[in-house]
Amino acid sequence: MDLLTQDEAPQMNIMHLMLVICLNVLVLAELCMAMYMASADPENFTLVFVKVFFGMLIPTLVAGFYLKRKLGSHLGRVKN
């Protein structure tokens, strides 16, 4: 019961794949930045790392969730 044509389905798969790849790269960059910033203060490494990493990770995941839903709603409009 797939309402997508052959041309539309691969396009959405590519868009979702690109979103996942971009989010993965962002999370990796955030991890590197958090490690770098935390290494400047070895005595408070854990505290600095957690503050920096999760301070960047949470907005990234929220934005990824929002964009994923936006792509899904775009997919719904393509079906109709």
N, C-alpha and C. Protein backbone atom coordinates (compact mmCIF):
# COMPACT_ATOMS: atom_id res chain seq x y z
N MET A 1 0.82 -1.18 0.00
CA MET A 1 0.00 0.00 0.00
C MET A 1 0.87 1.25 0.00
N ASP A 2 1.97 1.19 -0.71
CA ASP A 2 2.88 2.31 -0.79
C ASP A 2 2.38 3.29 -1.85
N LEU A 3 2.14 4.52 -1.43
CA LEU A 3 1.57 5.52 -2.33
C LEU A 3 2.64 6.34 -3.05
N LEU A 4 3.90 6.06 -2.78
CA LEU A 4 4.97 6.80 -3.43
C LEU A 4 5.29 6.18 -4.79
N THR A 5 5.66 7.02 -5.71
CA THR A 5 6.12 6.51 -7.00
C THR A 5 7.57 6.08 -6.85
N GLN A 6 8.08 5.45 -7.85
CA GLN A 6 9.46 4.98 -7.82
C GLN A 6 10.46 6.13 -7.70
N ASP A 7 10.14 7.30 -8.24
CA ASP A 7 11.06 8.44 -8.19
C ASP A 7 11.07 9.12 -6.83
N GLU A 8 9.95 9.12 -6.12
CA GLU A 8 9.85 9.86 -4.86
C GLU A 8 10.46 9.11 -3.69
N ALA A 9 10.32 7.80 -3.63
CA ALA A 9 10.81 7.02 -2.49
C ALA A 9 12.33 7.13 -2.33
N PRO A 10 13.14 6.94 -3.36
CA PRO A 10 14.59 7.06 -3.18
C PRO A 10 15.00 8.47 -2.77
N GLN A 11 14.30 9.49 -3.24
CA GLN A 11 14.64 10.86 -2.88
C GLN A 11 14.51 11.08 -1.37
N MET A 12 13.42 10.57 -0.79
CA MET A 12 13.22 10.72 0.65
C MET A 12 14.24 9.90 1.42
N ASN A 13 14.59 8.72 0.92
CA ASN A 13 15.60 7.91 1.58
C ASN A 13 16.94 8.63 1.58
N ILE A 14 17.27 9.28 0.50
CA ILE A 14 18.52 10.03 0.41
C ILE A 14 18.49 11.21 1.37
N MET A 15 17.36 11.90 1.46
CA MET A 15 17.26 13.04 2.37
C MET A 15 17.41 12.58 3.82
N HIS A 16 16.79 11.49 4.18
CA HIS A 16 16.91 10.97 5.55
C HIS A 16 18.34 10.52 5.82
N LEU A 17 18.96 9.88 4.85
CA LEU A 17 20.34 9.44 5.00
C LEU A 17 21.27 10.64 5.19
N MET A 18 21.06 11.68 4.41
CA MET A 18 21.88 12.89 4.53
C MET A 18 21.70 13.52 5.92
N LEU A 19 20.46 13.54 6.41
CA LEU A 19 20.19 14.09 7.75
C LEU A 19 20.93 13.28 8.81
N VAL A 20 20.87 11.98 8.73
CA VAL A 20 21.54 11.11 9.71
C VAL A 20 23.05 11.31 9.65
N ILE A 21 23.61 11.38 8.47
CA ILE A 21 25.05 11.58 8.32
C ILE A 21 25.46 12.93 8.91
N CYS A 22 24.71 13.98 8.61
CA CYS A 22 25.02 15.31 9.15
C CYS A 22 24.94 15.33 10.67
N LEU A 23 23.92 14.70 11.22
CA LEU A 23 23.80 14.65 12.68
C LEU A 23 24.95 13.87 13.30
N ASN A 24 25.35 12.79 12.69
CA ASN A 24 26.49 12.02 13.20
C ASN A 24 27.77 12.83 13.18
N VAL A 25 28.00 13.57 12.11
CA VAL A 25 29.19 14.41 12.01
C VAL A 25 29.15 15.51 13.08
N LEU A 26 27.98 16.11 13.28
CA LEU A 26 27.84 17.14 14.31
C LEU A 26 28.13 16.59 15.70
N VAL A 27 27.59 15.42 16.01
CA VAL A 27 27.82 14.82 17.33
C VAL A 27 29.30 14.50 17.52
N LEU A 28 29.95 14.02 16.48
CA LEU A 28 31.38 13.73 16.57
C LEU A 28 32.18 15.02 16.78
N ALA A 29 31.83 16.08 16.07
CA ALA A 29 32.50 17.37 16.25
C ALA A 29 32.27 17.91 17.67
N GLU A 30 31.06 17.74 18.18
CA GLU A 30 30.76 18.19 19.55
C GLU A 30 31.57 17.40 20.56
N LEU A 31 31.72 16.12 20.33
CA LEU A 31 32.52 15.28 21.22
C LEU A 31 33.98 15.75 21.22
N CYS A 32 34.52 16.01 20.05
CA CYS A 32 35.91 16.49 19.95
C CYS A 32 36.07 17.84 20.63
N MET A 33 35.12 18.74 20.42
CA MET A 33 35.21 20.06 21.03
C MET A 33 35.10 19.96 22.56
N ALA A 34 34.22 19.11 23.04
CA ALA A 34 34.07 18.94 24.49
C ALA A 34 35.35 18.36 25.10
N MET A 35 35.95 17.40 24.43
CA MET A 35 37.20 16.82 24.93
C MET A 35 38.32 17.88 24.94
N TYR A 36 38.37 18.68 23.89
CA TYR A 36 39.40 19.72 23.81
C TYR A 36 39.21 20.76 24.91
N MET A 37 37.99 21.20 25.10
CA MET A 37 37.73 22.22 26.12
C MET A 37 37.94 21.66 27.53
N ALA A 38 37.58 20.42 27.74
CA ALA A 38 37.75 19.80 29.06
C ALA A 38 39.22 19.55 29.37
N SER A 39 40.02 19.31 28.36
CA SER A 39 41.44 19.04 28.59
C SER A 39 42.19 20.29 29.07
N ALA A 40 41.62 21.46 28.89
CA ALA A 40 42.25 22.69 29.36
C ALA A 40 42.20 22.80 30.88
N ASP A 41 41.29 22.07 31.53
CA ASP A 41 41.14 22.11 32.98
C ASP A 41 41.10 20.67 33.51
N PRO A 42 42.28 20.04 33.67
CA PRO A 42 42.31 18.62 34.05
C PRO A 42 41.65 18.32 35.40
N GLU A 43 41.67 19.26 36.32
CA GLU A 43 41.07 19.00 37.64
C GLU A 43 39.55 18.88 37.56
N ASN A 44 38.94 19.59 36.65
CA ASN A 44 37.48 19.58 36.49
C ASN A 44 37.08 19.00 35.14
N PHE A 45 37.87 18.03 34.68
CA PHE A 45 37.66 17.49 33.34
C PHE A 45 36.22 16.98 33.15
N THR A 46 35.76 16.16 34.07
CA THR A 46 34.44 15.54 33.92
C THR A 46 33.33 16.58 33.92
N LEU A 47 33.41 17.52 34.84
CA LEU A 47 32.38 18.55 34.94
C LEU A 47 32.33 19.40 33.67
N VAL A 48 33.49 19.82 33.20
CA VAL A 48 33.55 20.64 31.99
C VAL A 48 33.07 19.84 30.78
N PHE A 49 33.51 18.59 30.68
CA PHE A 49 33.10 17.76 29.55
C PHE A 49 31.59 17.58 29.51
N VAL A 50 31.00 17.24 30.65
CA VAL A 50 29.55 17.00 30.70
C VAL A 50 28.79 18.28 30.36
N LYS A 51 29.22 19.40 30.93
CA LYS A 51 28.54 20.68 30.64
C LYS A 51 28.60 21.04 29.16
N VAL A 52 29.80 20.94 28.60
CA VAL A 52 29.99 21.34 27.20
C VAL A 52 29.31 20.35 26.26
N PHE A 53 29.56 19.06 26.46
CA PHE A 53 29.05 18.06 25.53
C PHE A 53 27.52 18.02 25.53
N PHE A 54 26.93 17.90 26.70
CA PHE A 54 25.48 17.81 26.74
C PHE A 54 24.82 19.14 26.44
N GLY A 55 25.52 20.23 26.70
CA GLY A 55 25.00 21.55 26.31
C GLY A 55 24.88 21.70 24.81
N MET A 56 25.73 21.01 24.06
CA MET A 56 25.64 21.04 22.60
C MET A 56 24.83 19.87 22.05
N LEU A 57 24.90 18.73 22.71
CA LEU A 57 24.24 17.52 22.21
C LEU A 57 22.72 17.63 22.24
N ILE A 58 22.18 18.12 23.33
CA ILE A 58 20.72 18.18 23.47
C ILE A 58 20.08 19.05 22.39
N PRO A 59 20.58 20.27 22.14
CA PRO A 59 19.98 21.04 21.03
C PRO A 59 20.14 20.36 19.66
N THR A 60 21.26 19.67 19.47
CA THR A 60 21.47 18.96 18.21
C THR A 60 20.45 17.85 18.04
N LEU A 61 20.20 17.09 19.08
CA LEU A 61 19.21 16.01 19.00
C LEU A 61 17.80 16.54 18.82
N VAL A 62 17.49 17.65 19.49
CA VAL A 62 16.16 18.26 19.33
C VAL A 62 15.99 18.75 17.89
N ALA A 63 17.02 19.40 17.36
CA ALA A 63 16.95 19.87 15.97
C ALA A 63 16.84 18.69 15.01
N GLY A 64 17.57 17.62 15.27
CA GLY A 64 17.48 16.42 14.43
C GLY A 64 16.10 15.80 14.46
N PHE A 65 15.50 15.74 15.65
CA PHE A 65 14.14 15.21 15.79
C PHE A 65 13.15 16.08 15.01
N TYR A 66 13.30 17.40 15.15
CA TYR A 66 12.42 18.33 14.45
C TYR A 66 12.57 18.19 12.93
N LEU A 67 13.80 18.12 12.46
CA LEU A 67 14.03 17.99 11.01
C LEU A 67 13.53 16.64 10.49
N LYS A 68 13.68 15.60 11.28
CA LYS A 68 13.17 14.28 10.87
C LYS A 68 11.66 14.31 10.73
N ARG A 69 10.98 14.96 11.68
CA ARG A 69 9.52 15.09 11.59
C ARG A 69 9.13 15.96 10.40
N LYS A 70 9.92 17.01 10.14
CA LYS A 70 9.65 17.89 9.01
C LYS A 70 9.77 17.11 7.70
N LEU A 71 10.78 16.26 7.60
CA LEU A 71 10.92 15.43 6.40
C LEU A 71 9.75 14.45 6.29
N GLY A 72 9.30 13.92 7.43
CA GLY A 72 8.16 13.00 7.42
C GLY A 72 6.89 13.69 6.97
N SER A 73 6.67 14.94 7.42
CA SER A 73 5.47 15.66 6.99
C SER A 73 5.58 16.02 5.52
N HIS A 74 6.80 16.27 5.05
CA HIS A 74 7.00 16.52 3.62
C HIS A 74 6.65 15.25 2.84
N LEU A 75 7.02 14.12 3.39
CA LEU A 75 6.70 12.84 2.76
C LEU A 75 5.19 12.66 2.69
N GLY A 76 4.45 13.07 3.74
CA GLY A 76 3.00 12.98 3.74
C GLY A 76 2.37 13.85 2.67
N ARG A 77 2.94 15.03 2.45
CA ARG A 77 2.41 15.91 1.40
C ARG A 77 2.71 15.36 0.01
N VAL A 78 3.83 14.66 -0.12
CA VAL A 78 4.18 14.08 -1.41
C VAL A 78 3.19 12.96 -1.76
N LYS A 79 2.74 12.21 -0.73
CA LYS A 79 1.80 11.11 -0.97
C LYS A 79 0.48 11.60 -1.51
N ASN A 80 -0.01 12.71 -0.97
CA ASN A 80 -1.35 13.19 -1.33
C ASN A 80 -1.40 13.85 -2.67
